[in-house]
């Protein structure tokens, strides 16, 4: 199955406390499928391949001059986007594009850490996978995850 793709990624640290990560991707796959007639082929796009994807994430460590806490407080946010794709080899069932807006706040002091992550803040109906024209698996709606940890 022939394929073409161009993944790029960049991480930028414009200030010591500010981080930006971006990863756009362009990809395309083809497969050749015979018609009913012998020796006759048609071009179809391979299923399950989003042509355009982008991930953007940024975080910021709050300085002690703004909020005098003994540990490190970090806030962050970002987005993920994937364009629509075909769910079947005949290119008759199309999955919609996916978009998720996420955020986090985290605190770390010594060997202890805690964070609150929020996923799909827009509560958009997205799909994580599909199987031909028979099944599409939706992702979770708006989700919050609280995490506490300790490093040994």
N, C-alpha and C. Protein backbone atom coordinates (compact mmCIF):
# COMPACT_ATOMS: atom_id res chain seq x y z
N UNK A 1 0.85 -1.16 0.00
CA UNK A 1 0.00 0.00 0.00
C UNK A 1 0.90 1.23 0.00
N UNK A 2 0.94 2.02 -1.05
CA UNK A 2 1.79 3.20 -1.10
C UNK A 2 1.34 4.24 -0.08
N UNK A 3 2.28 4.95 0.49
CA UNK A 3 1.92 6.00 1.44
C UNK A 3 2.91 7.15 1.35
N UNK A 4 2.43 8.32 1.70
CA UNK A 4 3.24 9.53 1.72
C UNK A 4 2.90 10.24 3.02
N UNK A 5 3.90 10.79 3.69
CA UNK A 5 3.62 11.51 4.93
C UNK A 5 4.70 12.51 5.25
N UNK A 6 4.34 13.49 6.05
CA UNK A 6 5.29 14.50 6.47
C UNK A 6 4.99 14.89 7.91
N UNK A 7 5.64 14.24 8.88
CA UNK A 7 5.46 14.64 10.27
C UNK A 7 6.51 15.68 10.66
N UNK A 8 6.10 16.68 11.34
CA UNK A 8 7.00 17.71 11.85
C UNK A 8 6.74 17.85 13.34
N UNK A 9 7.75 18.15 14.10
CA UNK A 9 7.49 18.47 15.50
C UNK A 9 8.50 19.51 15.94
N UNK A 10 8.05 20.36 16.82
CA UNK A 10 8.92 21.39 17.33
C UNK A 10 8.59 21.64 18.79
N UNK A 11 9.60 21.88 19.56
CA UNK A 11 9.45 22.26 20.96
C UNK A 11 10.16 23.59 21.13
N UNK A 12 9.46 24.54 21.68
CA UNK A 12 10.00 25.89 21.85
C UNK A 12 9.98 26.24 23.33
N UNK A 13 11.07 26.78 23.79
CA UNK A 13 11.17 27.23 25.18
C UNK A 13 11.56 28.70 25.18
N UNK A 14 10.61 29.62 24.86
CA UNK A 14 10.98 31.02 24.74
C UNK A 14 11.43 31.64 26.07
N UNK A 15 10.92 31.18 27.14
CA UNK A 15 11.34 31.63 28.47
C UNK A 15 11.62 30.39 29.30
N UNK A 16 12.30 30.56 30.38
CA UNK A 16 12.68 29.41 31.20
C UNK A 16 11.46 28.68 31.77
N UNK A 17 10.35 29.36 31.97
CA UNK A 17 9.17 28.77 32.60
C UNK A 17 8.03 28.47 31.61
N UNK A 18 8.21 28.76 30.36
CA UNK A 18 7.15 28.66 29.37
C UNK A 18 7.56 27.66 28.30
N UNK A 19 6.70 26.68 28.01
CA UNK A 19 7.02 25.62 27.06
C UNK A 19 5.91 25.52 26.01
N UNK A 20 6.30 25.29 24.76
CA UNK A 20 5.33 25.11 23.67
C UNK A 20 5.77 23.89 22.86
N UNK A 21 4.84 23.01 22.59
CA UNK A 21 5.10 21.83 21.75
C UNK A 21 4.04 21.78 20.67
N UNK A 22 4.46 21.63 19.41
CA UNK A 22 3.52 21.53 18.30
C UNK A 22 3.95 20.42 17.36
N UNK A 23 3.00 19.64 16.89
CA UNK A 23 3.30 18.56 15.95
C UNK A 23 2.22 18.47 14.89
N UNK A 24 2.42 19.13 13.74
CA UNK A 24 1.49 18.94 12.63
C UNK A 24 1.93 17.75 11.78
N UNK A 25 0.98 17.05 11.20
CA UNK A 25 1.29 15.88 10.36
C UNK A 25 0.38 15.90 9.14
N UNK A 26 0.97 15.59 8.01
CA UNK A 26 0.21 15.38 6.79
C UNK A 26 0.53 13.97 6.33
N UNK A 27 -0.50 13.17 6.06
CA UNK A 27 -0.28 11.79 5.64
C UNK A 27 -1.33 11.39 4.61
N UNK A 28 -0.94 10.50 3.74
CA UNK A 28 -1.87 9.99 2.74
C UNK A 28 -1.46 8.56 2.37
N UNK A 29 -2.44 7.67 2.30
CA UNK A 29 -2.20 6.31 1.86
C UNK A 29 -3.21 5.96 0.77
N UNK A 30 -2.78 5.15 -0.17
CA UNK A 30 -3.66 4.72 -1.24
C UNK A 30 -3.68 3.21 -1.28
N UNK A 31 -4.73 2.67 -1.81
CA UNK A 31 -4.74 1.25 -2.13
C UNK A 31 -5.45 1.09 -3.47
N UNK A 32 -5.04 0.12 -4.20
CA UNK A 32 -5.61 -0.11 -5.52
C UNK A 32 -6.55 -1.30 -5.43
N UNK A 33 -7.75 -1.09 -5.88
CA UNK A 33 -8.80 -2.09 -5.73
C UNK A 33 -9.36 -2.43 -7.11
N UNK A 34 -9.44 -3.69 -7.47
CA UNK A 34 -9.94 -4.03 -8.81
C UNK A 34 -11.44 -3.80 -8.93
N UNK A 35 -11.85 -3.35 -10.10
CA UNK A 35 -13.27 -3.30 -10.43
C UNK A 35 -13.75 -4.72 -10.68
N UNK A 36 -14.99 -4.84 -11.06
CA UNK A 36 -15.53 -6.16 -11.40
C UNK A 36 -14.82 -6.70 -12.64
N UNK A 37 -14.53 -5.81 -13.57
CA UNK A 37 -13.83 -6.23 -14.79
C UNK A 37 -12.39 -6.59 -14.45
N UNK A 38 -11.82 -7.64 -15.06
CA UNK A 38 -10.42 -7.96 -14.82
C UNK A 38 -9.49 -6.90 -15.41
N UNK A 39 -8.34 -6.72 -14.82
CA UNK A 39 -7.30 -5.80 -15.24
C UNK A 39 -7.72 -4.33 -15.24
N UNK A 40 -8.74 -4.01 -14.49
CA UNK A 40 -9.17 -2.63 -14.38
C UNK A 40 -9.12 -2.25 -12.91
N UNK A 41 -8.45 -1.16 -12.59
CA UNK A 41 -8.26 -0.76 -11.21
C UNK A 41 -8.76 0.66 -10.98
N UNK A 42 -9.16 0.92 -9.77
CA UNK A 42 -9.57 2.27 -9.39
C UNK A 42 -8.75 2.71 -8.18
N UNK A 43 -8.57 3.99 -8.04
CA UNK A 43 -7.82 4.56 -6.92
C UNK A 43 -8.79 4.84 -5.78
N UNK A 44 -8.52 4.32 -4.61
CA UNK A 44 -9.29 4.64 -3.41
C UNK A 44 -8.32 5.00 -2.30
N UNK A 45 -8.76 5.84 -1.40
CA UNK A 45 -7.94 6.23 -0.25
C UNK A 45 -8.05 5.14 0.80
N UNK A 46 -6.94 4.77 1.38
CA UNK A 46 -6.93 3.72 2.41
C UNK A 46 -7.75 4.16 3.62
N UNK A 47 -8.49 3.24 4.22
CA UNK A 47 -9.33 3.59 5.37
C UNK A 47 -8.50 3.83 6.63
N UNK A 48 -9.05 4.61 7.53
CA UNK A 48 -8.45 4.83 8.84
C UNK A 48 -7.28 5.79 8.87
N UNK A 49 -7.07 6.56 7.81
CA UNK A 49 -5.92 7.47 7.75
C UNK A 49 -6.44 8.91 7.65
N UNK A 50 -6.23 9.69 8.71
CA UNK A 50 -6.56 11.11 8.66
C UNK A 50 -5.49 11.82 7.86
N UNK A 51 -5.92 12.67 6.97
CA UNK A 51 -4.94 13.36 6.13
C UNK A 51 -4.18 14.45 6.90
N UNK A 52 -4.88 15.15 7.78
CA UNK A 52 -4.25 16.23 8.54
C UNK A 52 -4.42 15.99 10.03
N UNK A 53 -3.35 16.14 10.77
CA UNK A 53 -3.36 16.03 12.23
C UNK A 53 -2.52 17.16 12.79
N UNK A 54 -2.93 17.68 13.94
CA UNK A 54 -2.11 18.67 14.62
C UNK A 54 -2.31 18.53 16.12
N UNK A 55 -1.22 18.67 16.84
CA UNK A 55 -1.22 18.68 18.29
C UNK A 55 -0.48 19.93 18.73
N UNK A 56 -1.06 20.70 19.62
CA UNK A 56 -0.43 21.89 20.16
C UNK A 56 -0.61 21.87 21.66
N UNK A 57 0.49 22.01 22.37
CA UNK A 57 0.43 22.00 23.83
C UNK A 57 1.36 23.08 24.36
N UNK A 58 0.92 23.78 25.38
CA UNK A 58 1.75 24.78 26.03
C UNK A 58 1.57 24.68 27.53
N UNK A 59 2.63 24.95 28.26
CA UNK A 59 2.53 24.95 29.72
C UNK A 59 3.39 26.09 30.27
N UNK A 60 3.06 26.50 31.46
CA UNK A 60 3.74 27.62 32.09
C UNK A 60 3.93 27.33 33.57
N UNK A 61 5.16 27.43 34.04
CA UNK A 61 5.47 27.30 35.47
C UNK A 61 5.27 28.66 36.11
N UNK A 62 4.32 28.76 37.03
CA UNK A 62 4.02 30.02 37.70
C UNK A 62 5.21 30.41 38.58
N UNK A 63 5.80 31.59 38.39
CA UNK A 63 6.95 31.99 39.22
C UNK A 63 6.54 32.29 40.66
N UNK A 64 7.48 32.14 41.56
CA UNK A 64 7.23 32.38 42.98
C UNK A 64 6.94 33.85 43.26
N UNK A 65 7.33 34.74 42.38
CA UNK A 65 7.04 36.17 42.58
C UNK A 65 5.54 36.45 42.39
N UNK A 66 4.86 35.64 41.58
CA UNK A 66 3.42 35.82 41.37
C UNK A 66 2.63 35.09 42.44
N UNK A 67 3.01 33.87 42.75
CA UNK A 67 2.32 33.05 43.74
C UNK A 67 3.37 32.37 44.61
N UNK A 68 3.63 32.91 45.80
CA UNK A 68 4.71 32.38 46.65
C UNK A 68 4.34 31.07 47.34
N UNK A 69 4.45 29.97 46.62
CA UNK A 69 4.22 28.64 47.18
C UNK A 69 5.55 27.92 47.31
N UNK A 70 5.68 27.00 48.25
CA UNK A 70 6.97 26.31 48.42
C UNK A 70 7.33 25.36 47.28
N UNK A 71 6.40 24.91 46.49
CA UNK A 71 6.69 23.99 45.39
C UNK A 71 6.60 24.67 44.04
N UNK A 72 6.31 23.88 43.00
CA UNK A 72 6.18 24.40 41.64
C UNK A 72 4.76 24.18 41.14
N UNK A 73 4.10 25.27 40.74
CA UNK A 73 2.75 25.23 40.19
C UNK A 73 2.83 25.42 38.69
N UNK A 74 2.19 24.52 37.93
CA UNK A 74 2.22 24.56 36.48
C UNK A 74 0.79 24.56 35.95
N UNK A 75 0.52 25.39 34.96
CA UNK A 75 -0.76 25.36 34.25
C UNK A 75 -0.46 25.10 32.78
N UNK A 76 -1.37 24.44 32.12
CA UNK A 76 -1.13 24.13 30.70
C UNK A 76 -2.43 23.92 29.96
N UNK A 77 -2.33 23.93 28.65
CA UNK A 77 -3.49 23.70 27.82
C UNK A 77 -3.07 23.38 26.40
N UNK A 78 -3.97 22.79 25.67
CA UNK A 78 -3.64 22.45 24.30
C UNK A 78 -4.83 21.91 23.54
N UNK A 79 -4.56 21.56 22.29
CA UNK A 79 -5.60 21.02 21.44
C UNK A 79 -5.04 19.90 20.58
N UNK A 80 -5.95 19.04 20.15
CA UNK A 80 -5.63 17.98 19.20
C UNK A 80 -6.70 18.00 18.11
N UNK A 81 -6.27 17.87 16.86
CA UNK A 81 -7.20 17.84 15.74
C UNK A 81 -6.77 16.76 14.77
N UNK A 82 -7.74 16.02 14.26
CA UNK A 82 -7.51 15.04 13.20
C UNK A 82 -8.65 15.19 12.20
N UNK A 83 -8.30 15.29 10.92
CA UNK A 83 -9.32 15.47 9.88
C UNK A 83 -10.11 14.18 9.67
N UNK A 84 -11.20 14.30 8.94
CA UNK A 84 -12.07 13.16 8.68
C UNK A 84 -11.33 12.09 7.87
N UNK A 85 -11.79 10.87 7.96
CA UNK A 85 -11.17 9.76 7.22
C UNK A 85 -12.24 8.74 6.83
N UNK A 86 -11.89 7.93 5.84
CA UNK A 86 -12.79 6.88 5.38
C UNK A 86 -12.72 5.69 6.32
N UNK A 87 -13.88 5.10 6.63
CA UNK A 87 -13.94 3.96 7.54
C UNK A 87 -13.85 2.62 6.82
N UNK A 88 -14.11 2.60 5.51
CA UNK A 88 -14.12 1.34 4.79
C UNK A 88 -13.28 1.45 3.51
N UNK A 89 -12.93 0.30 2.95
CA UNK A 89 -12.07 0.28 1.77
C UNK A 89 -12.77 0.77 0.51
N UNK A 90 -14.09 0.76 0.48
CA UNK A 90 -14.81 1.25 -0.69
C UNK A 90 -15.00 2.77 -0.66
N UNK A 91 -14.56 3.41 0.42
CA UNK A 91 -14.70 4.86 0.59
C UNK A 91 -16.16 5.30 0.54
N UNK A 92 -17.03 4.58 1.26
CA UNK A 92 -18.45 4.94 1.32
C UNK A 92 -18.87 5.44 2.70
N UNK A 93 -18.15 5.09 3.75
CA UNK A 93 -18.48 5.52 5.12
C UNK A 93 -17.37 6.43 5.63
N UNK A 94 -17.73 7.65 5.95
CA UNK A 94 -16.72 8.64 6.35
C UNK A 94 -16.87 8.96 7.83
N UNK A 95 -15.76 8.92 8.56
CA UNK A 95 -15.73 9.30 9.96
C UNK A 95 -15.48 10.81 10.04
N UNK A 96 -16.15 11.51 10.95
CA UNK A 96 -15.97 12.96 11.03
C UNK A 96 -14.62 13.32 11.64
N UNK A 97 -14.26 14.59 11.51
CA UNK A 97 -13.01 15.05 12.11
C UNK A 97 -13.14 15.06 13.63
N UNK A 98 -12.00 15.00 14.31
CA UNK A 98 -11.94 14.99 15.77
C UNK A 98 -11.26 16.25 16.26
N UNK A 99 -11.77 16.80 17.36
CA UNK A 99 -11.18 17.98 17.97
C UNK A 99 -11.31 17.85 19.48
N UNK A 100 -10.22 18.08 20.19
CA UNK A 100 -10.24 18.02 21.65
C UNK A 100 -9.44 19.18 22.21
N UNK A 101 -10.03 19.88 23.16
CA UNK A 101 -9.38 20.98 23.87
C UNK A 101 -9.13 20.50 25.29
N UNK A 102 -7.87 20.51 25.73
CA UNK A 102 -7.49 19.95 27.02
C UNK A 102 -6.78 21.00 27.88
N UNK A 103 -6.78 20.77 29.20
CA UNK A 103 -6.11 21.69 30.12
C UNK A 103 -5.60 20.91 31.34
N UNK A 104 -4.67 21.51 32.04
CA UNK A 104 -4.15 20.88 33.26
C UNK A 104 -3.64 21.93 34.23
N UNK A 105 -3.64 21.56 35.50
CA UNK A 105 -2.97 22.33 36.54
C UNK A 105 -2.27 21.30 37.43
N UNK A 106 -1.00 21.56 37.72
CA UNK A 106 -0.23 20.61 38.50
C UNK A 106 0.61 21.31 39.56
N UNK A 107 0.87 20.58 40.61
CA UNK A 107 1.69 21.11 41.70
C UNK A 107 2.70 20.04 42.10
N UNK A 108 3.94 20.45 42.30
CA UNK A 108 4.99 19.52 42.70
C UNK A 108 5.82 20.16 43.80
N UNK A 109 6.04 19.39 44.86
CA UNK A 109 6.91 19.82 45.95
C UNK A 109 7.72 18.62 46.42
N UNK A 110 9.03 18.73 46.27
CA UNK A 110 9.90 17.61 46.65
C UNK A 110 9.56 16.38 45.84
N UNK A 111 9.27 15.27 46.55
CA UNK A 111 8.96 14.04 45.84
C UNK A 111 7.45 13.81 45.66
N UNK A 112 6.63 14.78 46.05
CA UNK A 112 5.18 14.66 45.92
C UNK A 112 4.67 15.52 44.77
N UNK A 113 3.63 15.03 44.11
CA UNK A 113 3.02 15.78 43.01
C UNK A 113 1.52 15.49 42.96
N UNK A 114 0.77 16.46 42.45
CA UNK A 114 -0.67 16.32 42.25
C UNK A 114 -1.03 17.11 41.00
N UNK A 115 -1.99 16.61 40.24
CA UNK A 115 -2.42 17.33 39.05
C UNK A 115 -3.90 17.06 38.78
N UNK A 116 -4.52 18.03 38.14
CA UNK A 116 -5.89 17.90 37.68
C UNK A 116 -5.85 18.13 36.18
N UNK A 117 -6.26 17.12 35.42
CA UNK A 117 -6.29 17.19 33.96
C UNK A 117 -7.74 17.21 33.49
N UNK A 118 -8.00 18.03 32.51
CA UNK A 118 -9.34 18.12 31.91
C UNK A 118 -9.21 17.82 30.42
N UNK A 119 -9.98 16.86 29.95
CA UNK A 119 -9.92 16.43 28.55
C UNK A 119 -11.25 16.73 27.85
N UNK A 120 -11.17 17.06 26.57
CA UNK A 120 -12.36 17.31 25.74
C UNK A 120 -13.29 18.32 26.42
N UNK A 121 -12.73 19.48 26.74
CA UNK A 121 -13.50 20.51 27.45
C UNK A 121 -14.74 20.97 26.69
N UNK A 122 -14.74 20.88 25.39
CA UNK A 122 -15.90 21.28 24.59
C UNK A 122 -16.99 20.20 24.58
N UNK A 123 -16.71 19.04 25.14
CA UNK A 123 -17.63 17.90 25.20
C UNK A 123 -18.10 17.50 23.80
N UNK A 124 -17.21 17.58 22.85
CA UNK A 124 -17.52 17.25 21.46
C UNK A 124 -17.56 15.74 21.26
N UNK A 125 -18.45 15.26 20.41
CA UNK A 125 -18.51 13.84 20.10
C UNK A 125 -17.39 13.51 19.11
N UNK A 126 -16.39 12.80 19.58
CA UNK A 126 -15.27 12.36 18.75
C UNK A 126 -15.27 10.84 18.70
N UNK A 127 -14.56 10.30 17.72
CA UNK A 127 -14.48 8.85 17.57
C UNK A 127 -13.03 8.41 17.60
N UNK A 128 -12.73 7.36 18.38
CA UNK A 128 -11.36 6.89 18.48
C UNK A 128 -11.02 5.84 17.45
N UNK A 129 -12.02 5.15 16.91
CA UNK A 129 -11.75 4.15 15.88
C UNK A 129 -13.04 3.77 15.17
N UNK A 130 -12.87 3.06 14.07
CA UNK A 130 -14.02 2.55 13.33
C UNK A 130 -13.66 1.19 12.76
N UNK A 131 -14.66 0.41 12.48
CA UNK A 131 -14.47 -0.89 11.87
C UNK A 131 -15.42 -1.01 10.70
N UNK A 132 -14.88 -0.78 9.51
CA UNK A 132 -15.67 -0.83 8.28
C UNK A 132 -16.89 0.08 8.41
N UNK A 133 -18.02 -0.31 7.90
CA UNK A 133 -19.22 0.52 8.02
C UNK A 133 -20.10 0.05 9.17
N UNK A 134 -19.64 -0.96 9.92
CA UNK A 134 -20.47 -1.58 10.94
C UNK A 134 -20.35 -0.95 12.32
N UNK A 135 -19.20 -0.35 12.65
CA UNK A 135 -19.02 0.09 14.03
C UNK A 135 -18.11 1.30 14.11
N UNK A 136 -18.46 2.24 14.97
CA UNK A 136 -17.62 3.38 15.29
C UNK A 136 -17.57 3.50 16.81
N UNK A 137 -16.38 3.68 17.36
CA UNK A 137 -16.20 3.72 18.81
C UNK A 137 -16.00 5.17 19.24
N UNK A 138 -16.95 5.74 20.01
CA UNK A 138 -16.80 7.12 20.45
C UNK A 138 -15.79 7.24 21.59
N UNK A 139 -15.19 8.42 21.70
CA UNK A 139 -14.29 8.70 22.82
C UNK A 139 -15.12 9.18 24.01
N UNK A 140 -14.46 9.37 25.12
CA UNK A 140 -15.14 9.90 26.30
C UNK A 140 -15.52 11.35 26.06
N UNK A 141 -16.58 11.78 26.71
CA UNK A 141 -16.96 13.19 26.67
C UNK A 141 -16.02 13.98 27.57
N UNK A 142 -16.50 15.08 28.07
CA UNK A 142 -15.69 15.91 28.98
C UNK A 142 -15.28 15.05 30.18
N UNK A 143 -13.98 15.00 30.44
CA UNK A 143 -13.45 14.13 31.49
C UNK A 143 -12.45 14.89 32.35
N UNK A 144 -12.53 14.66 33.66
CA UNK A 144 -11.58 15.25 34.60
C UNK A 144 -10.86 14.12 35.31
N UNK A 145 -9.56 14.25 35.45
CA UNK A 145 -8.74 13.22 36.09
C UNK A 145 -7.85 13.87 37.13
N UNK A 146 -7.97 13.44 38.37
CA UNK A 146 -7.11 13.93 39.45
C UNK A 146 -6.07 12.87 39.74
N UNK A 147 -4.81 13.28 39.80
CA UNK A 147 -3.71 12.34 39.96
C UNK A 147 -2.83 12.81 41.11
N UNK A 148 -2.46 11.88 41.99
CA UNK A 148 -1.55 12.17 43.09
C UNK A 148 -0.45 11.13 43.02
N UNK A 149 0.79 11.57 43.19
CA UNK A 149 1.90 10.64 43.10
C UNK A 149 3.06 11.02 43.99
N UNK A 150 3.95 10.05 44.15
CA UNK A 150 5.15 10.26 44.95
C UNK A 150 6.30 9.54 44.25
N UNK A 151 7.45 10.20 44.17
CA UNK A 151 8.64 9.61 43.57
C UNK A 151 9.48 8.96 44.65
N UNK A 152 9.92 7.74 44.41
CA UNK A 152 10.76 7.04 45.38
C UNK A 152 12.20 7.10 44.97
